[in-house]
Amino acid sequence: MDSTDVPFYVELARQATGPIVELAVGSGRVAIPVAEAIRPNVLVGIDTSRSMLDLAGEKAEAHGVQLDLRLGDMRDFRIDSPAALIYCPRAMMLLHTWHDRRQAFERVTAALKPGGRFVWNAFVFDHRTATEQDGRHMDNPVPHIVRYAKADNRIDIVLDDGGETASIWWATKNEWLGLIEVAGLRLETLYGGYCG
């Protein structure tokens, strides 16, 4: 799996002075390298999937790092102390509606310490590419078919094995900027990639 974003988040974590939280921590793909970089501090990882948290815990143990893994939803999470950095690689687009994203952004605002940072990434959506991919079968990273729900601003990834369908809901740059404003956050920087 592509990991070009990991050094970006590691560097942000090194700059943070205080607790660090990863939303939608998943398997620990980003959290483990971040935790290695901030030792002896412990990273809090939040996810809605118990099985993903278990996997992250196993991987962290194998790497000799400690993660504080918590079952929770990014729209309604709580932490013990205000965070210096909250980040969410790739998963913000899994939230279905603007309201869901607003809840997550407002929860982040409430959880950050003054001067703390919230960082997430989202890709710029291309309707032409989605149209070309619609109905196409792919084998990487697992066998699946891509379905494009144009009216819903959604791409569905339907697994061949009949497992759970993953949906990605995109938003425009202005929608993201609106969420920042409504949540009471301030835009520090907007990058077009992980190199700044």
C-alpha atoms as a PDB file:
ATOM      1  CA  MET A   1       0.000   0.000   0.000  1.00  0.00           C
ATOM      2  CA  ASP A   2       1.200   3.505  -0.827  1.00  0.00           C
ATOM      3  CA  SER A   3       2.918   5.147   2.143  1.00  0.00           C
ATOM      4  CA  THR A   4       4.123   8.433   0.647  1.00  0.00           C
ATOM      5  CA  ASP A   5       2.137  10.296   3.309  1.00  0.00           C
ATOM      6  CA  VAL A   6       3.859   8.681   6.314  1.00  0.00           C
ATOM      7  CA  PRO A   7       6.956  10.983   6.452  1.00  0.00           C
ATOM      8  CA  PHE A   8       4.618  14.000   6.281  1.00  0.00           C
ATOM      9  CA  TYR A   9       2.706  12.902   9.385  1.00  0.00           C
ATOM     10  CA  VAL A  10       5.881  11.823  11.186  1.00  0.00           C
ATOM     11  CA  GLU A  11       7.357  15.305  10.730  1.00  0.00           C
ATOM     12  CA  LEU A  12       4.174  16.965  12.007  1.00  0.00           C
ATOM     13  CA  ALA A  13       4.274  14.715  15.071  1.00  0.00           C
ATOM     14  CA  ARG A  14       7.892  15.632  15.758  1.00  0.00           C
ATOM     15  CA  GLN A  15       6.880  19.305  15.777  1.00  0.00           C
ATOM     16  CA  ALA A  16       3.974  18.763  18.202  1.00  0.00           C
ATOM     17  CA  THR A  17       4.364  19.494  21.882  1.00  0.00           C
ATOM     18  CA  GLY A  18       1.673  17.510  23.615  1.00  0.00           C
ATOM     19  CA  PRO A  19      -0.708  14.628  23.007  1.00  0.00           C
ATOM     20  CA  ILE A  20      -1.177  13.317  19.466  1.00  0.00           C
ATOM     21  CA  VAL A  21      -4.312  11.642  18.131  1.00  0.00           C
ATOM     22  CA  GLU A  22      -4.903   9.723  14.909  1.00  0.00           C
ATOM     23  CA  LEU A  23      -8.520   9.463  13.796  1.00  0.00           C
ATOM     24  CA  ALA A  24      -9.478   6.279  11.919  1.00  0.00           C
ATOM     25  CA  VAL A  25      -6.189   4.654  12.928  1.00  0.00           C
ATOM     26  CA  GLY A  26      -7.030   1.449  11.074  1.00  0.00           C
ATOM     27  CA  SER A  27      -4.178  -1.063  10.998  1.00  0.00           C
ATOM     28  CA  GLY A  28      -1.644   1.445  12.339  1.00  0.00           C
ATOM     29  CA  ARG A  29      -0.070   2.095   8.928  1.00  0.00           C
ATOM     30  CA  VAL A  30       0.704   5.715   9.915  1.00  0.00           C
ATOM     31  CA  ALA A  31       0.386   5.501  13.706  1.00  0.00           C
ATOM     32  CA  ILE A  32       3.238   3.040  14.185  1.00  0.00           C
ATOM     33  CA  PRO A  33       5.914   5.134  12.399  1.00  0.00           C
ATOM     34  CA  VAL A  34       4.579   8.224  14.194  1.00  0.00           C
ATOM     35  CA  ALA A  35       4.752   6.432  17.561  1.00  0.00           C
ATOM     36  CA  GLU A  36       8.330   5.363  16.799  1.00  0.00           C
ATOM     37  CA  ALA A  37       9.236   9.014  16.122  1.00  0.00           C
ATOM     38  CA  ILE A  38       7.667  10.426  19.302  1.00  0.00           C
ATOM     39  CA  ARG A  39       8.865   7.864  21.856  1.00  0.00           C
ATOM     40  CA  PRO A  40       8.400   7.781  24.821  1.00  0.00           C
ATOM     41  CA  ASN A  41       5.130   9.661  24.241  1.00  0.00           C
ATOM     42  CA  VAL A  42       2.105   7.529  23.365  1.00  0.00           C
ATOM     43  CA  LEU A  43      -0.136   8.183  20.403  1.00  0.00           C
ATOM     44  CA  VAL A  44      -3.915   7.823  20.847  1.00  0.00           C
ATOM     45  CA  GLY A  45      -5.527   5.951  17.958  1.00  0.00           C
ATOM     46  CA  ILE A  46      -9.293   6.012  17.490  1.00  0.00           C
ATOM     47  CA  ASP A  47     -11.279   3.760  15.170  1.00  0.00           C
ATOM     48  CA  THR A  48     -14.822   2.383  14.874  1.00  0.00           C
ATOM     49  CA  SER A  49     -13.568  -1.126  14.064  1.00  0.00           C
ATOM     50  CA  ARG A  50     -12.528  -3.420  16.908  1.00  0.00           C
ATOM     51  CA  SER A  51     -10.823  -5.780  14.436  1.00  0.00           C
ATOM     52  CA  MET A  52      -8.716  -2.937  12.989  1.00  0.00           C
ATOM     53  CA  LEU A  53      -7.744  -1.812  16.499  1.00  0.00           C
ATOM     54  CA  ASP A  54      -6.724  -5.384  17.330  1.00  0.00           C
ATOM     55  CA  LEU A  55      -4.613  -5.522  14.159  1.00  0.00           C
ATOM     56  CA  ALA A  56      -3.001  -2.155  14.982  1.00  0.00           C
ATOM     57  CA  GLY A  57      -2.236  -3.412  18.486  1.00  0.00           C
ATOM     58  CA  GLU A  58      -0.580  -6.563  17.150  1.00  0.00           C
ATOM     59  CA  LYS A  59       1.497  -4.585  14.652  1.00  0.00           C
ATOM     60  CA  ALA A  60       2.509  -2.014  17.278  1.00  0.00           C
ATOM     61  CA  GLU A  61       3.638  -4.767  19.616  1.00  0.00           C
ATOM     62  CA  ALA A  62       5.676  -6.359  16.824  1.00  0.00           C
ATOM     63  CA  HIS A  63       7.363  -2.967  16.229  1.00  0.00           C
ATOM     64  CA  GLY A  64       7.960  -2.418  19.953  1.00  0.00           C
ATOM     65  CA  VAL A  65       5.826   0.715  20.225  1.00  0.00           C
ATOM     66  CA  GLN A  66       2.896   1.526  22.436  1.00  0.00           C
ATOM     67  CA  LEU A  67      -0.387   2.880  21.081  1.00  0.00           C
ATOM     68  CA  ASP A  68      -3.358   3.921  23.200  1.00  0.00           C
ATOM     69  CA  LEU A  69      -6.045   2.369  20.984  1.00  0.00           C
ATOM     70  CA  ARG A  70      -9.666   3.325  21.603  1.00  0.00           C
ATOM     71  CA  LEU A  71     -12.916   2.216  20.052  1.00  0.00           C
ATOM     72  CA  GLY A  72     -14.716   5.376  18.960  1.00  0.00           C
ATOM     73  CA  ASP A  73     -16.117   7.490  16.177  1.00  0.00           C
ATOM     74  CA  MET A  74     -14.318  10.574  14.860  1.00  0.00           C
ATOM     75  CA  ARG A  75     -17.648  12.432  15.045  1.00  0.00           C
ATOM     76  CA  ASP A  76     -17.877  11.923  18.803  1.00  0.00           C
ATOM     77  CA  PHE A  77     -14.530  11.058  20.394  1.00  0.00           C
ATOM     78  CA  ARG A  78     -13.163  12.157  23.747  1.00  0.00           C
ATOM     79  CA  ILE A  79      -9.555  12.344  24.935  1.00  0.00           C
ATOM     80  CA  ASP A  80      -8.115  12.909  28.388  1.00  0.00           C
ATOM     81  CA  SER A  81      -5.991  15.993  27.652  1.00  0.00           C
ATOM     82  CA  PRO A  82      -6.184  18.583  24.862  1.00  0.00           C
ATOM     83  CA  ALA A  83      -4.176  17.458  21.826  1.00  0.00           C
ATOM     84  CA  ALA A  84      -1.299  19.259  20.163  1.00  0.00           C
ATOM     85  CA  LEU A  85      -1.930  17.384  16.919  1.00  0.00           C
ATOM     86  CA  ILE A  86      -4.931  15.507  15.574  1.00  0.00           C
ATOM     87  CA  TYR A  87      -4.550  13.991  12.147  1.00  0.00           C
ATOM     88  CA  CYS A  88      -6.686  11.853   9.867  1.00  0.00           C
ATOM     89  CA  PRO A  89      -4.941  10.298   6.871  1.00  0.00           C
ATOM     90  CA  ARG A  90      -7.297   9.287   4.059  1.00  0.00           C
ATOM     91  CA  ALA A  91     -10.402   8.569   6.141  1.00  0.00           C
ATOM     92  CA  MET A  92     -12.234  11.911   6.273  1.00  0.00           C
ATOM     93  CA  MET A  93     -13.775  11.059   2.900  1.00  0.00           C
ATOM     94  CA  LEU A  94     -15.389   7.963   4.404  1.00  0.00           C
ATOM     95  CA  LEU A  95     -17.867  10.213   6.189  1.00  0.00           C
ATOM     96  CA  HIS A  96     -21.031  10.280   4.095  1.00  0.00           C
ATOM     97  CA  THR A  97     -22.425  13.749   4.590  1.00  0.00           C
ATOM     98  CA  TRP A  98     -21.345  17.316   5.173  1.00  0.00           C
ATOM     99  CA  HIS A  99     -23.089  17.060   8.553  1.00  0.00           C
ATOM    100  CA  ASP A 100     -20.931  14.032   9.489  1.00  0.00           C
ATOM    101  CA  ARG A 101     -17.799  15.949   8.550  1.00  0.00           C
ATOM    102  CA  ARG A 102     -18.989  19.007  10.451  1.00  0.00           C
ATOM    103  CA  GLN A 103     -19.469  16.890  13.566  1.00  0.00           C
ATOM    104  CA  ALA A 104     -15.947  15.514  13.196  1.00  0.00           C
ATOM    105  CA  PHE A 105     -14.434  18.965  12.670  1.00  0.00           C
ATOM    106  CA  GLU A 106     -16.299  20.404  15.664  1.00  0.00           C
ATOM    107  CA  ARG A 107     -15.184  17.485  17.834  1.00  0.00           C
ATOM    108  CA  VAL A 108     -11.595  18.092  16.708  1.00  0.00           C
ATOM    109  CA  THR A 109     -11.887  21.788  17.592  1.00  0.00           C
ATOM    110  CA  ALA A 110     -13.083  20.881  21.090  1.00  0.00           C
ATOM    111  CA  ALA A 111     -10.225  18.382  21.547  1.00  0.00           C
ATOM    112  CA  LEU A 112      -7.333  20.619  20.429  1.00  0.00           C
ATOM    113  CA  LYS A 113      -5.259  22.685  22.791  1.00  0.00           C
ATOM    114  CA  PRO A 114      -4.736  26.364  21.868  1.00  0.00           C
ATOM    115  CA  GLY A 115      -2.334  26.462  18.935  1.00  0.00           C
ATOM    116  CA  GLY A 116      -2.901  22.767  18.239  1.00  0.00           C
ATOM    117  CA  ARG A 117      -3.123  21.469  14.680  1.00  0.00           C
ATOM    118  CA  PHE A 118      -5.648  19.379  12.787  1.00  0.00           C
ATOM    119  CA  VAL A 119      -4.359  17.807   9.588  1.00  0.00           C
ATOM    120  CA  TRP A 120      -6.184  15.592   7.110  1.00  0.00           C
ATOM    121  CA  ASN A 121      -5.916  14.784   3.461  1.00  0.00           C
ATOM    122  CA  ALA A 122      -8.420  14.387   0.659  1.00  0.00           C
ATOM    123  CA  PHE A 123      -7.863  13.853  -3.025  1.00  0.00           C
ATOM    124  CA  VAL A 124      -9.074  16.159  -5.762  1.00  0.00           C
ATOM    125  CA  PHE A 125     -11.812  14.247  -7.493  1.00  0.00           C
ATOM    126  CA  ASP A 126     -11.872  13.873 -11.272  1.00  0.00           C
ATOM    127  CA  HIS A 127     -15.280  12.987 -12.741  1.00  0.00           C
ATOM    128  CA  ARG A 128     -13.723  11.840 -16.028  1.00  0.00           C
ATOM    129  CA  THR A 129     -11.510   9.329 -14.279  1.00  0.00           C
ATOM    130  CA  ALA A 130     -14.429   8.085 -12.183  1.00  0.00           C
ATOM    131  CA  THR A 131     -16.542   7.658 -15.314  1.00  0.00           C
ATOM    132  CA  GLU A 132     -13.745   5.712 -17.015  1.00  0.00           C
ATOM    133  CA  GLN A 133     -13.316   3.487 -13.954  1.00  0.00           C
ATOM    134  CA  ASP A 134     -17.043   2.861 -13.415  1.00  0.00           C
ATOM    135  CA  GLY A 135     -17.759  -0.856 -13.676  1.00  0.00           C
ATOM    136  CA  ARG A 136     -14.103  -1.732 -14.158  1.00  0.00           C
ATOM    137  CA  HIS A 137     -12.690  -4.750 -12.356  1.00  0.00           C
ATOM    138  CA  MET A 138      -9.360  -4.348 -10.569  1.00  0.00           C
ATOM    139  CA  ASP A 139      -7.188  -6.815  -8.715  1.00  0.00           C
ATOM    140  CA  ASN A 140      -5.056  -4.400  -6.706  1.00  0.00           C
ATOM    141  CA  PRO A 141      -4.910  -4.172  -3.694  1.00  0.00           C
ATOM    142  CA  VAL A 142      -7.677  -6.816  -3.562  1.00  0.00           C
ATOM    143  CA  PRO A 143     -10.086  -7.997  -6.289  1.00  0.00           C
ATOM    144  CA  HIS A 144     -12.915  -5.466  -6.613  1.00  0.00           C
ATOM    145  CA  ILE A 145     -15.200  -3.528  -8.934  1.00  0.00           C
ATOM    146  CA  VAL A 146     -15.467   0.263  -8.880  1.00  0.00           C
ATOM    147  CA  ARG A 147     -18.950   1.786  -9.038  1.00  0.00           C
ATOM    148  CA  TYR A 148     -19.452   5.515  -9.559  1.00  0.00           C
ATOM    149  CA  ALA A 149     -22.579   7.042  -8.023  1.00  0.00           C
ATOM    150  CA  LYS A 150     -22.445  10.403  -9.791  1.00  0.00           C
ATOM    151  CA  ALA A 151     -25.546  11.920  -8.173  1.00  0.00           C
ATOM    152  CA  ASP A 152     -24.268  11.080  -4.685  1.00  0.00           C
ATOM    153  CA  ASN A 153     -20.647  12.246  -5.151  1.00  0.00           C
ATOM    154  CA  ARG A 154     -19.610   8.724  -4.218  1.00  0.00           C
ATOM    155  CA  ILE A 155     -17.366   5.920  -5.394  1.00  0.00           C
ATOM    156  CA  ASP A 156     -18.113   2.404  -4.158  1.00  0.00           C
ATOM    157  CA  ILE A 157     -15.467  -0.276  -4.029  1.00  0.00           C
ATOM    158  CA  VAL A 158     -17.319  -3.591  -4.199  1.00  0.00           C
ATOM    159  CA  LEU A 159     -15.172  -6.528  -3.133  1.00  0.00           C
ATOM    160  CA  ASP A 160     -15.324  -9.716  -5.203  1.00  0.00           C
ATOM    161  CA  ASP A 161     -15.514 -11.885  -2.108  1.00  0.00           C
ATOM    162  CA  GLY A 162     -18.817 -10.304  -1.103  1.00  0.00           C
ATOM    163  CA  GLY A 163     -17.263  -8.494   1.846  1.00  0.00           C
ATOM    164  CA  GLU A 164     -18.263  -5.033   2.980  1.00  0.00           C
ATOM    165  CA  THR A 165     -18.461  -2.349   0.283  1.00  0.00           C
ATOM    166  CA  ALA A 166     -16.250   0.675   0.945  1.00  0.00           C
ATOM    167  CA  SER A 167     -17.600   4.058  -0.131  1.00  0.00           C
ATOM    168  CA  ILE A 168     -15.656   7.259  -0.649  1.00  0.00           C
ATOM    169  CA  TRP A 169     -17.624  10.516  -0.574  1.00  0.00           C
ATOM    170  CA  TRP A 170     -15.736  13.481  -1.952  1.00  0.00           C
ATOM    171  CA  ALA A 171     -16.008  17.171  -1.239  1.00  0.00           C
ATOM    172  CA  THR A 172     -14.766  20.266  -3.022  1.00  0.00           C
ATOM    173  CA  LYS A 173     -12.048  22.573  -1.742  1.00  0.00           C
ATOM    174  CA  ASN A 174     -14.716  25.152  -0.843  1.00  0.00           C
ATOM    175  CA  GLU A 175     -16.648  22.571   1.174  1.00  0.00           C
ATOM    176  CA  TRP A 176     -13.504  21.775   3.164  1.00  0.00           C
ATOM    177  CA  LEU A 177     -12.839  25.497   3.687  1.00  0.00           C
ATOM    178  CA  GLY A 178     -16.433  25.912   4.859  1.00  0.00           C
ATOM    179  CA  LEU A 179     -15.987  23.122   7.387  1.00  0.00           C
ATOM    180  CA  ILE A 180     -12.861  24.799   8.742  1.00  0.00           C
ATOM    181  CA  GLU A 181     -14.761  28.062   9.203  1.00  0.00           C
ATOM    182  CA  VAL A 182     -17.900  26.542  10.726  1.00  0.00           C
ATOM    183  CA  ALA A 183     -15.871  24.492  13.201  1.00  0.00           C
ATOM    184  CA  GLY A 184     -13.957  27.552  14.391  1.00  0.00           C
ATOM    185  CA  LEU A 185     -10.612  26.402  13.031  1.00  0.00           C
ATOM    186  CA  ARG A 186      -8.116  28.608  11.197  1.00  0.00           C
ATOM    187  CA  LEU A 187      -6.423  27.548   7.966  1.00  0.00           C
ATOM    188  CA  GLU A 188      -2.669  27.519   8.433  1.00  0.00           C
ATOM    189  CA  THR A 189      -1.581  25.906   5.178  1.00  0.00           C
ATOM    190  CA  LEU A 190      -3.137  24.162   2.201  1.00  0.00           C
ATOM    191  CA  TYR A 191      -0.838  21.761   0.359  1.00  0.00           C
ATOM    192  CA  GLY A 192      -1.257  20.047  -2.985  1.00  0.00           C
ATOM    193  CA  GLY A 193       0.798  17.049  -1.870  1.00  0.00           C
ATOM    194  CA  TYR A 194       2.915  15.616   0.925  1.00  0.00           C
ATOM    195  CA  CYS A 195       6.056  17.561  -0.007  1.00  0.00           C
ATOM    196  CA  GLY A 196       4.530  20.873   1.001  1.00  0.00           C
END
